[in-house]
Protein backbone atom coordinates (compact mmCIF):
# COMPACT_ATOMS: atom_id res chain seq x y z
CA MET A 1 -15.33 3.15 -15.18
CA ASN A 2 -13.27 5.09 -18.61
CA ASN A 3 -9.60 3.98 -18.38
CA ASN A 4 -9.00 6.66 -20.83
CA LEU A 5 -9.21 9.05 -18.15
CA PHE A 6 -5.62 8.05 -17.27
CA LYS A 7 -4.35 9.57 -21.00
CA ASP A 8 -5.77 12.84 -19.68
CA LEU A 9 -4.79 13.39 -16.50
CA PHE A 10 -1.63 14.37 -17.06
CA ASN A 11 -0.15 17.51 -19.30
CA PRO A 12 1.19 15.46 -22.19
CA VAL A 13 4.87 17.96 -22.36
CA VAL A 14 5.82 17.17 -19.18
CA TYR A 15 4.90 14.00 -19.40
CA GLU A 16 6.78 13.75 -22.63
CA HIS A 17 10.17 14.67 -20.98
CA GLY A 18 9.89 12.77 -18.05
CA GLN A 19 9.35 15.05 -15.38
CA PHE A 20 6.46 13.92 -13.91
CA LEU A 21 7.60 10.27 -13.37
CA ARG A 22 11.00 11.67 -11.96
CA GLN A 23 8.85 13.85 -9.47
CA MET A 24 6.36 10.61 -9.04
CA GLN A 25 9.59 8.45 -8.19
CA GLU A 26 11.18 11.19 -6.19
CA LEU A 27 7.80 11.07 -3.93
CA CYS A 28 7.63 7.90 -3.84
CA LYS A 29 11.36 7.07 -2.93
CA LEU A 30 10.86 9.33 -0.16
CA SER A 31 7.96 7.70 0.49
CA HIS A 32 9.58 4.45 1.44
CA SER A 33 12.47 6.05 3.23
CA LEU A 34 10.16 7.41 5.97
CA LEU A 35 8.16 3.85 6.35
CA MET A 36 12.15 2.25 6.79
CA SER A 37 12.48 4.69 9.70
CA CYS A 38 9.71 3.83 11.33
CA GLN A 39 11.66 0.86 12.31
CA LYS A 40 13.93 2.54 15.10
CA GLU A 41 10.75 4.16 16.58
CA ILE A 42 8.94 1.50 17.63
CA GLN A 43 8.43 0.94 21.13
CA THR A 44 6.42 -0.68 23.05
CA GLN A 45 3.29 1.01 25.12
CA MET A 46 3.83 3.90 22.80
CA SER A 47 0.93 5.18 21.43
CA THR A 48 0.09 5.04 17.58
CA GLU A 49 -0.59 8.72 17.83
CA THR A 50 2.91 9.51 19.11
CA LEU A 51 4.45 6.82 16.68
CA ALA A 52 2.18 9.48 14.01
CA ARG A 53 4.21 12.36 15.64
CA ARG A 54 7.44 10.99 15.31
CA LEU A 55 6.87 10.47 11.80
CA ASP A 56 6.24 14.04 10.97
CA ASP A 57 9.09 14.79 13.01
CA LYS A 58 11.40 12.43 10.73
CA LEU A 59 10.45 14.25 7.61
CA GLN A 60 11.61 17.63 9.17
CA ASP A 61 14.95 16.26 10.12
CA MET A 62 15.44 14.57 6.98
CA GLY A 63 15.29 18.10 5.75
CA LYS A 64 12.37 17.38 3.76
CA GLY A 65 10.30 20.26 5.72
CA GLN A 66 8.92 21.51 1.32
CA TYR A 67 6.68 17.64 1.78
CA ARG A 68 3.40 17.51 3.84
CA LEU A 69 2.10 14.13 5.23
CA GLU A 70 -1.17 14.31 4.27
CA HIS A 71 -2.72 11.27 5.98
CA ILE A 72 -1.66 8.93 8.72
CA HIS A 73 -3.76 5.53 9.07
CA ILE A 74 -1.76 3.27 11.73
CA SER A 75 -3.80 -0.45 11.86
CA VAL A 76 -2.90 -2.49 14.43
CA ASN A 77 -3.68 -6.38 14.75
CA GLU A 78 -7.15 -6.84 14.34
CA GLN A 79 -7.34 -3.21 12.43
CA ALA A 80 -7.64 -3.68 8.70
CA PHE A 81 -6.72 -0.70 7.17
CA HIS A 82 -8.36 3.58 7.61
CA CYS A 83 -7.84 3.28 11.33
CA PRO A 84 -6.73 6.51 12.59
CA PRO A 85 -3.72 7.61 14.97
CA GLY A 86 -4.42 7.38 18.66
CA ASN A 87 -4.25 5.94 22.41
CA ARG A 88 -4.20 2.55 21.39
CA LEU A 89 -0.41 1.14 22.79
CA LEU A 90 1.94 -0.92 20.92
CA VAL A 91 2.46 -4.14 23.03
CA SER A 92 5.25 -6.46 22.13
CA GLY A 93 4.26 -9.24 19.93
CA ASP A 94 2.23 -6.58 18.03
CA ILE A 95 1.55 -6.84 14.03
CA PHE A 96 0.77 -3.44 12.82
CA THR A 97 0.68 -1.41 9.51
CA LEU A 98 1.50 1.98 8.58
CA ASP A 99 -0.49 3.87 5.81
CA ILE A 100 0.99 7.12 4.45
CA VAL A 101 -0.19 9.38 1.25
CA LEU A 102 3.00 11.96 1.18
CA SER A 103 2.80 15.11 -1.40
CA ASP A 104 5.10 18.04 -2.94
CA GLY A 105 2.59 20.61 -3.11
CA GLU A 106 1.71 19.10 -6.89
CA LEU A 107 1.56 15.08 -6.46
CA PHE A 108 1.12 12.63 -3.88
CA SER A 109 2.54 9.12 -3.26
CA ASP A 110 0.52 6.43 -0.86
CA GLY A 111 2.65 3.58 0.80
CA ALA A 112 2.50 1.35 3.14
CA TRP A 113 4.53 -1.39 5.61
CA SER A 114 3.89 -4.02 8.21
CA TYR A 115 5.72 -4.24 11.27
CA GLY A 116 6.00 -6.67 14.48
CA VAL A 117 6.76 -5.11 17.79
CA ASP A 118 9.64 -6.78 19.09
CA GLU A 119 9.21 -10.91 18.98
CA ILE A 120 6.07 -12.02 17.20
CA SER A 121 4.10 -15.46 17.09
CA PRO A 122 5.14 -17.92 13.88
CA GLN A 123 1.61 -17.52 12.77
CA ARG A 124 1.76 -13.34 12.19
CA SER A 125 5.50 -13.33 10.52
CA SER A 126 3.70 -15.61 8.32
CA LEU A 127 0.80 -13.31 7.39
CA LEU A 128 3.50 -10.94 7.21
CA LYS A 129 5.40 -13.12 4.70
CA ASP A 130 2.63 -13.72 2.48
CA ALA A 131 1.55 -10.36 2.54
CA TRP A 132 4.80 -8.97 1.30
CA ALA A 133 4.42 -11.85 -1.28
CA VAL A 134 1.53 -10.98 -2.12
CA SER A 135 2.02 -7.02 -2.58
CA CYS A 136 5.34 -8.29 -4.66
CA LEU A 137 3.23 -10.34 -7.43
CA ALA A 138 0.51 -7.51 -7.77
CA ALA A 139 3.11 -5.34 -9.03
CA ARG A 140 4.74 -7.76 -11.09
CA SER A 141 1.47 -9.07 -12.56
CA LEU A 142 0.55 -5.54 -13.66
CA ILE A 143 0.44 -5.60 -17.84
CA PRO A 144 -0.78 -1.91 -18.96
CA GLY A 145 -4.11 -2.45 -21.55
CA GLU A 146 -4.23 -5.77 -19.86
CA PRO A 147 -7.59 -6.70 -18.13
CA LEU A 148 -6.55 -6.73 -13.73
CA SER A 149 -8.61 -10.38 -13.99
CA GLU A 150 -4.73 -12.49 -14.60
CA MET A 151 -3.56 -10.57 -11.59
CA GLN A 152 -6.36 -11.47 -9.68
CA LYS A 153 -6.18 -14.78 -10.55
CA GLU A 154 -2.02 -15.03 -9.74
CA LEU A 155 -3.18 -13.83 -6.58
CA GLY A 156 -6.12 -15.92 -5.37
CA ALA A 157 -3.76 -19.01 -7.05
CA PHE A 158 -0.89 -18.26 -4.67
CA LEU A 159 -3.03 -17.48 -1.77
CA GLU A 160 -4.67 -21.26 -2.12
CA GLY A 161 -3.98 -23.21 1.13
CA HIS A 162 -3.34 -20.45 3.32
CA SER A 163 -4.62 -19.51 6.55
CA CYS A 164 -5.60 -15.76 5.11
CA GLN A 165 -7.15 -14.11 2.15
CA ILE A 166 -7.84 -10.46 0.89
CA VAL A 167 -10.20 -8.25 1.79
CA PRO A 168 -12.77 -7.31 -0.87
CA GLU A 169 -13.35 -3.74 0.01
CA ALA A 170 -9.64 -3.02 0.06
CA CYS A 171 -9.14 -1.68 -3.80
CA GLY A 172 -6.20 0.14 -5.28
CA HIS A 173 -6.58 3.01 -6.95
CA GLY A 174 -5.41 5.58 -9.40
CA ILE A 175 -2.66 8.51 -8.15
CA GLY A 176 -0.48 11.88 -8.95
CA ARG A 177 -2.57 14.34 -9.42
CA LYS A 178 -4.84 13.53 -6.64
CA ILE A 179 -4.57 10.53 -3.87
CA HIS A 180 -7.32 8.82 -5.60
CA ASP A 181 -8.89 8.10 -9.05
CA ASP A 182 -9.24 6.09 -11.82
CA PRO A 183 -9.09 3.18 -11.66
CA GLU A 184 -10.37 1.40 -8.71
CA ILE A 185 -7.80 -1.65 -9.07
CA SER A 186 -9.65 -4.91 -7.44
CA PHE A 187 -7.62 -7.47 -6.36
CA ILE A 188 -10.79 -10.52 -6.38
CA SER A 189 -11.85 -12.04 -9.41
CA ASP A 190 -14.79 -10.92 -10.00
CA ASP A 191 -16.61 -12.04 -13.31
CA SER A 192 -19.70 -9.29 -13.33
CA PHE A 193 -16.86 -6.29 -13.70
CA THR A 194 -14.04 -6.29 -16.02
CA CYS A 195 -11.37 -3.62 -15.24
CA LEU A 196 -8.27 -3.08 -17.74
CA CYS A 197 -4.86 -2.03 -16.54
CA PRO A 198 -4.21 1.85 -17.67
CA GLU A 199 -1.92 2.05 -19.98
CA ASN A 200 -0.25 5.26 -19.23
CA GLY A 201 -0.20 6.74 -15.62
CA CYS A 202 0.04 5.98 -11.44
CA VAL A 203 -1.49 3.36 -9.93
CA THR A 204 -1.18 1.74 -6.12
CA VAL A 205 -1.34 -1.83 -5.19
CA GLU A 206 -2.18 -3.02 -1.66
CA PRO A 207 -4.19 -6.21 -1.12
CA VAL A 208 -4.89 -6.59 2.91
CA LEU A 209 -4.55 -9.70 4.28
CA ILE A 210 -7.36 -11.15 6.92
CA GLY A 211 -7.89 -14.27 8.69
CA LEU A 212 -9.85 -17.05 6.29
CA GLY A 213 -13.38 -16.70 6.55
CA ASP A 214 -13.06 -13.57 8.40
CA LYS A 215 -14.41 -10.07 7.26
CA VAL A 216 -14.22 -6.71 8.12
CA LEU A 217 -16.84 -3.73 9.23
CA TYR A 218 -16.83 0.15 9.60
CA VAL A 219 -16.30 1.63 12.92
CA LYS A 220 -16.95 5.16 13.20
CA ASP A 221 -14.03 7.22 14.47
CA LEU A 222 -11.84 3.73 14.58
CA GLY A 223 -11.33 2.44 10.70
CA TYR A 224 -12.18 -1.11 9.35
CA ILE A 225 -11.99 -3.73 12.02
CA ALA A 226 -11.94 -7.31 11.54
CA ALA A 227 -15.03 -8.58 12.57
CA GLY A 228 -13.75 -12.23 14.07
CA GLY A 229 -11.25 -10.65 15.40
CA SER A 230 -7.93 -11.68 12.86
CA ASP A 231 -5.23 -10.05 12.25
CA THR A 232 -4.24 -8.42 9.11
CA ALA A 233 -1.10 -7.11 7.45
CA TYR A 234 -0.36 -5.83 4.32
CA PHE A 235 2.03 -3.75 1.92
CA GLU A 236 1.30 -0.96 -0.19
CA HIS A 237 3.29 -0.27 -3.65
CA VAL A 238 3.29 2.78 -6.61
CA ILE A 239 3.43 1.59 -10.00
CA HIS A 240 3.74 3.30 -13.25
CA THR A 241 1.83 2.04 -16.23
CA GLY A 242 3.76 3.08 -19.33
CA PRO A 243 4.91 1.72 -22.79
CA ASP A 244 8.04 -0.23 -21.16
CA GLY A 245 6.00 -2.50 -18.88
CA ALA A 246 4.95 -2.17 -15.39
CA ILE A 247 7.13 -0.49 -13.05
CA CYS A 248 7.48 -0.17 -9.46
CA LEU A 249 8.08 3.00 -7.82
CA ASN A 250 8.86 3.47 -4.58
CA ILE A 251 11.15 0.21 -4.60
CA PRO A 252 11.95 -0.34 -8.52
CA GLU A 253 14.16 -3.88 -7.04
CA ILE A 254 10.97 -5.24 -7.04
CA ASN A 255 10.26 -5.75 -10.95
CA PHE A 256 13.47 -8.02 -11.32
CA THR A 257 12.90 -9.90 -8.41
CA GLU A 258 10.90 -13.09 -7.09
CA CYS A 259 10.96 -11.43 -3.35
CA ILE A 260 12.67 -9.32 -1.46
CA ASP A 261 13.52 -10.65 1.63
CA ILE A 262 12.56 -8.60 3.87
CA PHE A 263 12.43 -11.12 7.03
């Protein structure tokens, strides 16, 4: 995979003046605000399709009609990722992940957040905390121009002794002018494949957690599902990699704290 593609993704003049970075950060922060507003919209017996519609309405209510939600995926409990909204009803004790792609007509952002519906079990609470922690660790561990192997090792070491693991099929990716671009960001150590963190561009980090020993399978019209029925969760951030290091665009505070307490 050619990491030099990142050097040619953006107009150099636009990038040198910081316009691209400012535009991406504004987009990512708006995406994060939308995800945070979702907490107030959650109701038991609400379908995931209704929740998706409310999110779109929320964007209009914020006076951001010039932006567009390109994709909305909502994964409940054993649904892992890329699950389209539908008739499934949220019930008390559920956990779910909302994954959105937002566009301003020129650039794209990609973000995800996991939630609990009412009071959740200690096991599900622990999974959400682990998912949050590994997302922050992945965000802080990216070093422009360096192999991703160190980040992968740190994530693996953190999860040792935990009752969950990272889904190999769920990878981060380049983002900006396109929704998905090179490089592919794997969160699992693989000696047969070495990828460098781009030196100049934006990537997503989104390690998806699933029950230890479980795996995902793809079901048409439903997305990726935990084959063994275990719960899943993940958080997704957009990271800009440049001369000053890696910067989290949707939540800049991730760069300066060990772990923001969101629970």
